[in-house]
Amino acid sequence: MKTTLEMPDSIFRRAKSKAAQRGIPLRQFVTEAVEDKLKDSLVTGRKPWVRHLGKLKHLHKETQRINRSIERETENIDPEMWG
């Protein structure tokens, strides 16, 4: 299929240069880039946020520590201040 794409000049020049370095036509380079992007979305089940799950797991203990501290401090609130 033939189509027209509009993209910033800087990206066009980089893509054309990269295609030339690989010795392939720009159309093949763009096709491969789109295929790769489509594969990425299939791998994550069309949920791009899934790849970010678990990246903050190392903060779990710190979060628990902070929550305990907050609970302790809220127990110390003077009820007369709120009454």
N, C-alpha and C. Protein backbone atom coordinates (compact mmCIF):
# COMPACT_ATOMS: atom_id res chain seq x y z
N MET A 1 0.85 -1.17 0.00
CA MET A 1 0.00 0.00 0.00
C MET A 1 0.90 1.24 0.00
N LYS A 2 0.47 2.21 -0.68
CA LYS A 2 1.22 3.45 -0.76
C LYS A 2 0.51 4.50 0.08
N THR A 3 1.29 5.26 0.85
CA THR A 3 0.70 6.29 1.69
C THR A 3 1.68 7.46 1.83
N THR A 4 1.19 8.54 2.37
CA THR A 4 2.03 9.71 2.63
C THR A 4 2.08 9.93 4.13
N LEU A 5 3.28 10.11 4.64
CA LEU A 5 3.46 10.38 6.06
C LEU A 5 4.02 11.78 6.24
N GLU A 6 3.61 12.39 7.34
CA GLU A 6 4.14 13.69 7.68
C GLU A 6 4.87 13.55 9.01
N MET A 7 6.13 13.99 9.05
CA MET A 7 6.92 13.89 10.28
C MET A 7 7.90 15.05 10.33
N PRO A 8 8.40 15.35 11.51
CA PRO A 8 9.38 16.43 11.63
C PRO A 8 10.62 16.13 10.79
N ASP A 9 11.20 17.19 10.23
CA ASP A 9 12.38 17.03 9.37
C ASP A 9 13.51 16.31 10.08
N SER A 10 13.73 16.64 11.34
CA SER A 10 14.85 16.02 12.07
C SER A 10 14.68 14.50 12.17
N ILE A 11 13.47 14.04 12.41
CA ILE A 11 13.22 12.60 12.50
C ILE A 11 13.36 11.96 11.13
N PHE A 12 12.86 12.62 10.10
CA PHE A 12 13.00 12.11 8.74
C PHE A 12 14.47 11.92 8.38
N ARG A 13 15.30 12.93 8.68
CA ARG A 13 16.72 12.85 8.34
C ARG A 13 17.41 11.72 9.11
N ARG A 14 17.06 11.58 10.39
CA ARG A 14 17.66 10.49 11.19
C ARG A 14 17.25 9.12 10.66
N ALA A 15 15.97 8.99 10.32
CA ALA A 15 15.48 7.71 9.79
C ALA A 15 16.16 7.39 8.45
N LYS A 16 16.25 8.39 7.59
CA LYS A 16 16.87 8.18 6.28
C LYS A 16 18.34 7.81 6.43
N SER A 17 19.02 8.47 7.35
CA SER A 17 20.42 8.18 7.61
C SER A 17 20.61 6.76 8.15
N LYS A 18 19.75 6.39 9.11
CA LYS A 18 19.85 5.05 9.71
C LYS A 18 19.56 3.97 8.66
N ALA A 19 18.58 4.22 7.80
CA ALA A 19 18.27 3.26 6.73
C ALA A 19 19.48 3.11 5.79
N ALA A 20 20.11 4.23 5.46
CA ALA A 20 21.28 4.20 4.58
C ALA A 20 22.42 3.42 5.23
N GLN A 21 22.62 3.62 6.54
CA GLN A 21 23.67 2.89 7.25
C GLN A 21 23.43 1.39 7.19
N ARG A 22 22.17 1.00 7.24
CA ARG A 22 21.82 -0.43 7.19
C ARG A 22 21.74 -0.94 5.76
N GLY A 23 21.79 -0.03 4.79
CA GLY A 23 21.73 -0.42 3.38
C GLY A 23 20.35 -0.87 2.94
N ILE A 24 19.32 -0.27 3.52
CA ILE A 24 17.95 -0.63 3.15
C ILE A 24 17.20 0.63 2.75
N PRO A 25 16.13 0.48 1.96
CA PRO A 25 15.33 1.66 1.60
C PRO A 25 14.61 2.22 2.82
N LEU A 26 14.33 3.51 2.78
CA LEU A 26 13.61 4.16 3.87
C LEU A 26 12.26 3.49 4.12
N ARG A 27 11.58 3.08 3.05
CA ARG A 27 10.26 2.44 3.22
C ARG A 27 10.38 1.17 4.04
N GLN A 28 11.46 0.39 3.85
CA GLN A 28 11.67 -0.84 4.63
C GLN A 28 11.98 -0.49 6.10
N PHE A 29 12.80 0.54 6.30
CA PHE A 29 13.13 0.96 7.65
C PHE A 29 11.88 1.38 8.42
N VAL A 30 11.03 2.18 7.77
CA VAL A 30 9.80 2.65 8.42
C VAL A 30 8.86 1.48 8.68
N THR A 31 8.75 0.56 7.73
CA THR A 31 7.89 -0.62 7.92
C THR A 31 8.36 -1.43 9.11
N GLU A 32 9.68 -1.67 9.21
CA GLU A 32 10.21 -2.43 10.34
C GLU A 32 9.97 -1.71 11.67
N ALA A 33 10.12 -0.39 11.67
CA ALA A 33 9.91 0.39 12.89
C ALA A 33 8.45 0.28 13.34
N VAL A 34 7.53 0.37 12.40
CA VAL A 34 6.10 0.25 12.75
C VAL A 34 5.80 -1.16 13.23
N GLU A 35 6.36 -2.17 12.57
CA GLU A 35 6.16 -3.56 13.01
C GLU A 35 6.66 -3.75 14.44
N ASP A 36 7.85 -3.21 14.74
CA ASP A 36 8.39 -3.33 16.09
C ASP A 36 7.48 -2.67 17.12
N LYS A 37 6.96 -1.51 16.78
CA LYS A 37 6.07 -0.79 17.70
C LYS A 37 4.79 -1.59 17.93
N LEU A 38 4.27 -2.20 16.88
CA LEU A 38 3.06 -3.00 17.02
C LEU A 38 3.31 -4.25 17.85
N LYS A 39 4.48 -4.86 17.71
CA LYS A 39 4.83 -6.04 18.51
C LYS A 39 4.88 -5.67 19.99
N ASP A 40 5.46 -4.51 20.31
CA ASP A 40 5.54 -4.05 21.70
C ASP A 40 4.16 -3.98 22.34
N SER A 41 3.18 -3.48 21.59
CA SER A 41 1.85 -3.34 22.16
C SER A 41 1.19 -4.70 22.34
N LEU A 42 1.53 -5.69 21.50
CA LEU A 42 0.97 -7.03 21.65
C LEU A 42 1.57 -7.75 22.85
N VAL A 43 2.85 -7.55 23.08
CA VAL A 43 3.55 -8.20 24.18
C VAL A 43 2.93 -7.79 25.51
N THR A 44 2.58 -6.55 25.65
CA THR A 44 2.01 -6.07 26.92
C THR A 44 0.49 -6.22 26.94
N GLY A 45 -0.08 -6.93 25.97
CA GLY A 45 -1.51 -7.12 25.96
C GLY A 45 -2.28 -5.84 25.72
N ARG A 46 -1.70 -4.96 24.93
CA ARG A 46 -2.30 -3.67 24.60
C ARG A 46 -2.53 -2.80 25.84
N LYS A 47 -1.74 -3.04 26.85
CA LYS A 47 -1.81 -2.23 28.07
C LYS A 47 -0.40 -1.70 28.34
N PRO A 48 -0.05 -0.56 27.77
CA PRO A 48 1.33 -0.08 27.91
C PRO A 48 1.77 0.14 29.34
N TRP A 49 0.84 0.35 30.25
CA TRP A 49 1.20 0.58 31.65
C TRP A 49 1.69 -0.69 32.32
N VAL A 50 1.40 -1.87 31.76
CA VAL A 50 1.78 -3.14 32.38
C VAL A 50 3.29 -3.25 32.53
N ARG A 51 4.03 -2.73 31.57
CA ARG A 51 5.49 -2.86 31.64
C ARG A 51 6.08 -2.11 32.83
N HIS A 52 5.31 -1.23 33.45
CA HIS A 52 5.80 -0.47 34.59
C HIS A 52 5.48 -1.12 35.93
N LEU A 53 4.67 -2.17 35.91
CA LEU A 53 4.30 -2.83 37.16
C LEU A 53 5.53 -3.42 37.83
N GLY A 54 5.62 -3.27 39.10
CA GLY A 54 6.70 -3.85 39.87
C GLY A 54 7.98 -3.04 39.92
N LYS A 55 8.06 -1.96 39.20
CA LYS A 55 9.30 -1.19 39.17
C LYS A 55 9.55 -0.46 40.48
N LEU A 56 8.53 -0.28 41.29
CA LEU A 56 8.70 0.40 42.58
C LEU A 56 8.64 -0.59 43.75
N LYS A 57 8.73 -1.87 43.43
CA LYS A 57 8.63 -2.90 44.46
C LYS A 57 9.67 -2.71 45.55
N HIS A 58 10.84 -2.21 45.17
CA HIS A 58 11.90 -2.01 46.15
C HIS A 58 11.53 -0.98 47.21
N LEU A 59 10.47 -0.21 46.99
CA LEU A 59 10.04 0.80 47.95
C LEU A 59 8.95 0.28 48.90
N HIS A 60 8.55 -0.98 48.75
CA HIS A 60 7.45 -1.54 49.54
C HIS A 60 7.72 -1.44 51.05
N LYS A 61 8.92 -1.83 51.47
CA LYS A 61 9.23 -1.78 52.90
C LYS A 61 9.24 -0.34 53.41
N GLU A 62 9.75 0.57 52.59
CA GLU A 62 9.77 1.98 52.99
C GLU A 62 8.34 2.52 53.13
N THR A 63 7.47 2.12 52.21
CA THR A 63 6.07 2.54 52.27
C THR A 63 5.41 2.03 53.55
N GLN A 64 5.67 0.78 53.89
CA GLN A 64 5.13 0.21 55.12
C GLN A 64 5.64 0.98 56.35
N ARG A 65 6.93 1.32 56.36
CA ARG A 65 7.52 2.05 57.47
C ARG A 65 6.85 3.42 57.62
N ILE A 66 6.65 4.10 56.51
CA ILE A 66 6.00 5.42 56.55
C ILE A 66 4.57 5.30 57.04
N ASN A 67 3.84 4.29 56.55
CA ASN A 67 2.44 4.11 56.98
C ASN A 67 2.36 3.83 58.48
N ARG A 68 3.28 3.02 59.01
CA ARG A 68 3.30 2.76 60.46
C ARG A 68 3.56 4.04 61.23
N SER A 69 4.48 4.84 60.75
CA SER A 69 4.79 6.11 61.40
C SER A 69 3.58 7.03 61.41
N ILE A 70 2.88 7.09 60.30
CA ILE A 70 1.67 7.93 60.21
C ILE A 70 0.62 7.44 61.20
N GLU A 71 0.44 6.11 61.26
CA GLU A 71 -0.55 5.56 62.20
C GLU A 71 -0.20 5.91 63.64
N ARG A 72 1.09 5.79 63.99
CA ARG A 72 1.51 6.13 65.36
C ARG A 72 1.23 7.60 65.66
N GLU A 73 1.55 8.46 64.73
CA GLU A 73 1.36 9.90 64.95
C GLU A 73 -0.12 10.27 65.04
N THR A 74 -0.96 9.62 64.25
CA THR A 74 -2.39 9.97 64.31
C THR A 74 -3.01 9.49 65.61
N GLU A 75 -2.42 8.49 66.25
CA GLU A 75 -2.90 8.05 67.54
C GLU A 75 -2.61 9.10 68.62
N ASN A 76 -1.64 9.95 68.40
CA ASN A 76 -1.21 10.95 69.38
C ASN A 76 -1.96 12.28 69.24
N ILE A 77 -2.89 12.37 68.33
CA ILE A 77 -3.62 13.62 68.13
C ILE A 77 -4.56 13.86 69.32
N ASP A 78 -4.54 15.06 69.83
CA ASP A 78 -5.37 15.44 70.96
C ASP A 78 -6.82 15.55 70.49
N PRO A 79 -7.73 14.71 71.01
CA PRO A 79 -9.13 14.75 70.59
C PRO A 79 -9.79 16.09 70.82
N GLU A 80 -9.32 16.86 71.81
CA GLU A 80 -9.91 18.18 72.09
C GLU A 80 -9.66 19.15 70.95
N MET A 81 -8.57 18.91 70.18
CA MET A 81 -8.28 19.78 69.03
C MET A 81 -9.36 19.64 67.96
N TRP A 82 -9.98 18.50 67.89
CA TRP A 82 -10.96 18.20 66.83
C TRP A 82 -12.39 18.29 67.33
N GLY A 83 -12.57 18.55 68.59
CA GLY A 83 -13.92 18.53 69.15
C GLY A 83 -14.43 19.86 69.37
